[in-house]
C-alpha atoms as a PDB file:
ATOM      1  CA  MET A   1     -14.589  21.290 -22.336  1.00  0.00           C
ATOM      2  CA  PRO A   2     -17.798  21.589 -24.602  1.00  0.00           C
ATOM      3  CA  VAL A   3     -19.539  24.630 -25.155  1.00  0.00           C
ATOM      4  CA  ASN A   4     -22.502  23.979 -23.193  1.00  0.00           C
ATOM      5  CA  LYS A   5     -20.426  23.083 -19.956  1.00  0.00           C
ATOM      6  CA  ALA A   6     -18.376  26.143 -20.143  1.00  0.00           C
ATOM      7  CA  ILE A   7     -21.437  28.138 -20.218  1.00  0.00           C
ATOM      8  CA  ALA A   8     -22.884  26.170 -17.380  1.00  0.00           C
ATOM      9  CA  TYR A   9     -19.986  26.108 -15.484  1.00  0.00           C
ATOM     10  CA  ALA A  10     -19.529  30.329 -16.015  1.00  0.00           C
ATOM     11  CA  VAL A  11     -23.204  30.985 -14.648  1.00  0.00           C
ATOM     12  CA  PHE A  12     -22.486  28.546 -11.720  1.00  0.00           C
ATOM     13  CA  VAL A  13     -19.587  30.223 -10.646  1.00  0.00           C
ATOM     14  CA  VAL A  14     -21.267  33.885 -11.401  1.00  0.00           C
ATOM     15  CA  THR A  15     -24.176  32.891  -9.113  1.00  0.00           C
ATOM     16  CA  ILE A  16     -22.150  31.689  -6.424  1.00  0.00           C
ATOM     17  CA  VAL A  17     -19.936  34.938  -6.645  1.00  0.00           C
ATOM     18  CA  ALA A  18     -23.036  37.142  -6.541  1.00  0.00           C
ATOM     19  CA  ALA A  19     -24.992  35.543  -4.063  1.00  0.00           C
ATOM     20  CA  PRO A  20     -23.782  37.144  -1.018  1.00  0.00           C
ATOM     21  CA  THR A  21     -24.298  40.567  -2.707  1.00  0.00           C
ATOM     22  CA  ALA A  22     -27.441  40.023  -3.770  1.00  0.00           C
ATOM     23  CA  MET A  23     -28.606  38.866  -0.434  1.00  0.00           C
ATOM     24  CA  ALA A  24     -27.437  41.854   1.510  1.00  0.00           C
ATOM     25  CA  ALA A  25     -29.446  44.542   2.615  1.00  0.00           C
ATOM     26  CA  GLU A  26     -29.301  47.860   4.058  1.00  0.00           C
ATOM     27  CA  ARG A  27     -30.532  48.240   7.775  1.00  0.00           C
ATOM     28  CA  THR A  28     -31.032  50.637   9.958  1.00  0.00           C
ATOM     29  CA  ILE A  29     -30.971  50.302  13.884  1.00  0.00           C
ATOM     30  CA  THR A  30     -31.235  52.472  16.526  1.00  0.00           C
ATOM     31  CA  LEU A  31     -28.872  51.962  19.496  1.00  0.00           C
ATOM     32  CA  SER A  32     -29.403  53.050  23.122  1.00  0.00           C
ATOM     33  CA  VAL A  33     -26.061  54.295  23.991  1.00  0.00           C
ATOM     34  CA  LYS A  34     -25.117  55.012  27.881  1.00  0.00           C
ATOM     35  CA  ASN A  35     -22.162  57.357  29.217  1.00  0.00           C
ATOM     36  CA  MET A  36     -22.851  60.188  26.819  1.00  0.00           C
ATOM     37  CA  TYR A  37     -22.395  62.966  29.451  1.00  0.00           C
ATOM     38  CA  CYS A  38     -20.611  66.071  27.404  1.00  0.00           C
ATOM     39  CA  ALA A  39     -21.030  67.908  24.272  1.00  0.00           C
ATOM     40  CA  ALA A  40     -18.296  66.044  22.789  1.00  0.00           C
ATOM     41  CA  CYS A  41     -19.619  62.483  23.423  1.00  0.00           C
ATOM     42  CA  PRO A  42     -21.846  61.953  20.258  1.00  0.00           C
ATOM     43  CA  SER A  43     -18.783  62.938  18.048  1.00  0.00           C
ATOM     44  CA  ILE A  44     -16.613  60.225  19.585  1.00  0.00           C
ATOM     45  CA  VAL A  45     -19.697  57.893  19.282  1.00  0.00           C
ATOM     46  CA  LYS A  46     -19.893  58.507  15.814  1.00  0.00           C
ATOM     47  CA  GLU A  47     -16.526  57.799  14.826  1.00  0.00           C
ATOM     48  CA  SER A  48     -16.630  54.990  16.301  1.00  0.00           C
ATOM     49  CA  LEU A  49     -19.360  53.506  14.520  1.00  0.00           C
ATOM     50  CA  GLU A  50     -18.300  55.095  11.159  1.00  0.00           C
ATOM     51  CA  ALA A  51     -15.027  53.151  11.520  1.00  0.00           C
ATOM     52  CA  VAL A  52     -17.159  49.650  11.696  1.00  0.00           C
ATOM     53  CA  SER A  53     -16.767  48.326   7.864  1.00  0.00           C
ATOM     54  CA  GLY A  54     -20.117  48.641   5.976  1.00  0.00           C
ATOM     55  CA  VAL A  55     -21.465  51.664   8.115  1.00  0.00           C
ATOM     56  CA  ALA A  56     -22.972  53.864   5.516  1.00  0.00           C
ATOM     57  CA  LYS A  57     -24.440  57.046   7.952  1.00  0.00           C
ATOM     58  CA  VAL A  58     -24.557  57.686  11.511  1.00  0.00           C
ATOM     59  CA  ALA A  59     -26.398  60.078  13.354  1.00  0.00           C
ATOM     60  CA  VAL A  60     -26.003  60.533  17.230  1.00  0.00           C
ATOM     61  CA  SER A  61     -28.897  62.241  19.327  1.00  0.00           C
ATOM     62  CA  TYR A  62     -27.266  63.565  22.630  1.00  0.00           C
ATOM     63  CA  LYS A  63     -30.687  64.627  23.887  1.00  0.00           C
ATOM     64  CA  ASP A  64     -32.277  60.992  23.170  1.00  0.00           C
ATOM     65  CA  LYS A  65     -28.760  59.058  24.227  1.00  0.00           C
ATOM     66  CA  THR A  66     -29.140  57.092  20.962  1.00  0.00           C
ATOM     67  CA  ALA A  67     -27.569  56.431  17.480  1.00  0.00           C
ATOM     68  CA  THR A  68     -29.251  55.500  14.442  1.00  0.00           C
ATOM     69  CA  VAL A  69     -26.809  53.602  12.167  1.00  0.00           C
ATOM     70  CA  VAL A  70     -27.558  52.591   8.513  1.00  0.00           C
ATOM     71  CA  TYR A  71     -25.171  49.497   7.570  1.00  0.00           C
ATOM     72  CA  ASP A  72     -24.785  46.684   5.126  1.00  0.00           C
ATOM     73  CA  ASP A  73     -25.738  43.334   6.751  1.00  0.00           C
ATOM     74  CA  ALA A  74     -23.392  41.603   4.612  1.00  0.00           C
ATOM     75  CA  LYS A  75     -20.446  43.525   6.107  1.00  0.00           C
ATOM     76  CA  ALA A  76     -21.264  44.494   9.721  1.00  0.00           C
ATOM     77  CA  ASP A  77     -23.655  43.334  12.206  1.00  0.00           C
ATOM     78  CA  VAL A  78     -25.325  44.266  15.615  1.00  0.00           C
ATOM     79  CA  ASN A  79     -22.578  43.097  17.486  1.00  0.00           C
ATOM     80  CA  GLN A  80     -20.036  44.763  15.778  1.00  0.00           C
ATOM     81  CA  LEU A  81     -21.772  48.151  16.323  1.00  0.00           C
ATOM     82  CA  THR A  82     -22.408  47.917  19.625  1.00  0.00           C
ATOM     83  CA  SER A  83     -19.248  46.322  20.245  1.00  0.00           C
ATOM     84  CA  ALA A  84     -17.582  49.896  18.615  1.00  0.00           C
ATOM     85  CA  THR A  85     -19.386  51.839  20.825  1.00  0.00           C
ATOM     86  CA  THR A  86     -18.362  49.879  23.945  1.00  0.00           C
ATOM     87  CA  LYS A  87     -14.679  49.862  23.191  1.00  0.00           C
ATOM     88  CA  ALA A  88     -14.942  53.668  22.653  1.00  0.00           C
ATOM     89  CA  GLY A  89     -16.284  53.759  26.427  1.00  0.00           C
ATOM     90  CA  TYR A  90     -20.386  53.995  25.466  1.00  0.00           C
ATOM     91  CA  PRO A  91     -22.028  50.727  25.937  1.00  0.00           C
ATOM     92  CA  SER A  92     -24.801  50.383  23.762  1.00  0.00           C
ATOM     93  CA  ALA A  93     -27.620  48.135  22.915  1.00  0.00           C
ATOM     94  CA  PRO A  94     -30.527  47.846  20.430  1.00  0.00           C
ATOM     95  CA  LYS A  95     -33.330  50.093  21.482  1.00  0.00           C
ATOM     96  CA  SER A  96     -36.039  48.567  22.416  1.00  0.00           C
END
């Protein structure tokens, strides 16, 4: 393979491999969480969200019945977050 073609191929491969990473973004979402009735509930909600790949930070408010989640949108999405809390017994949805 001529040098120019080898360089062009290498640049192409690096661009394809790096593209998803370059398009990834850190997102923050606040979820409205149901069924939080006791002092232990926020811990369970937090653990369920932290178990989702791509989640960087979770803050749960028992008083407001919310969970604020910072996550990498290339590794996680809102459906995965709400599914995690629902499976733990705390249905959630994006707060409007």
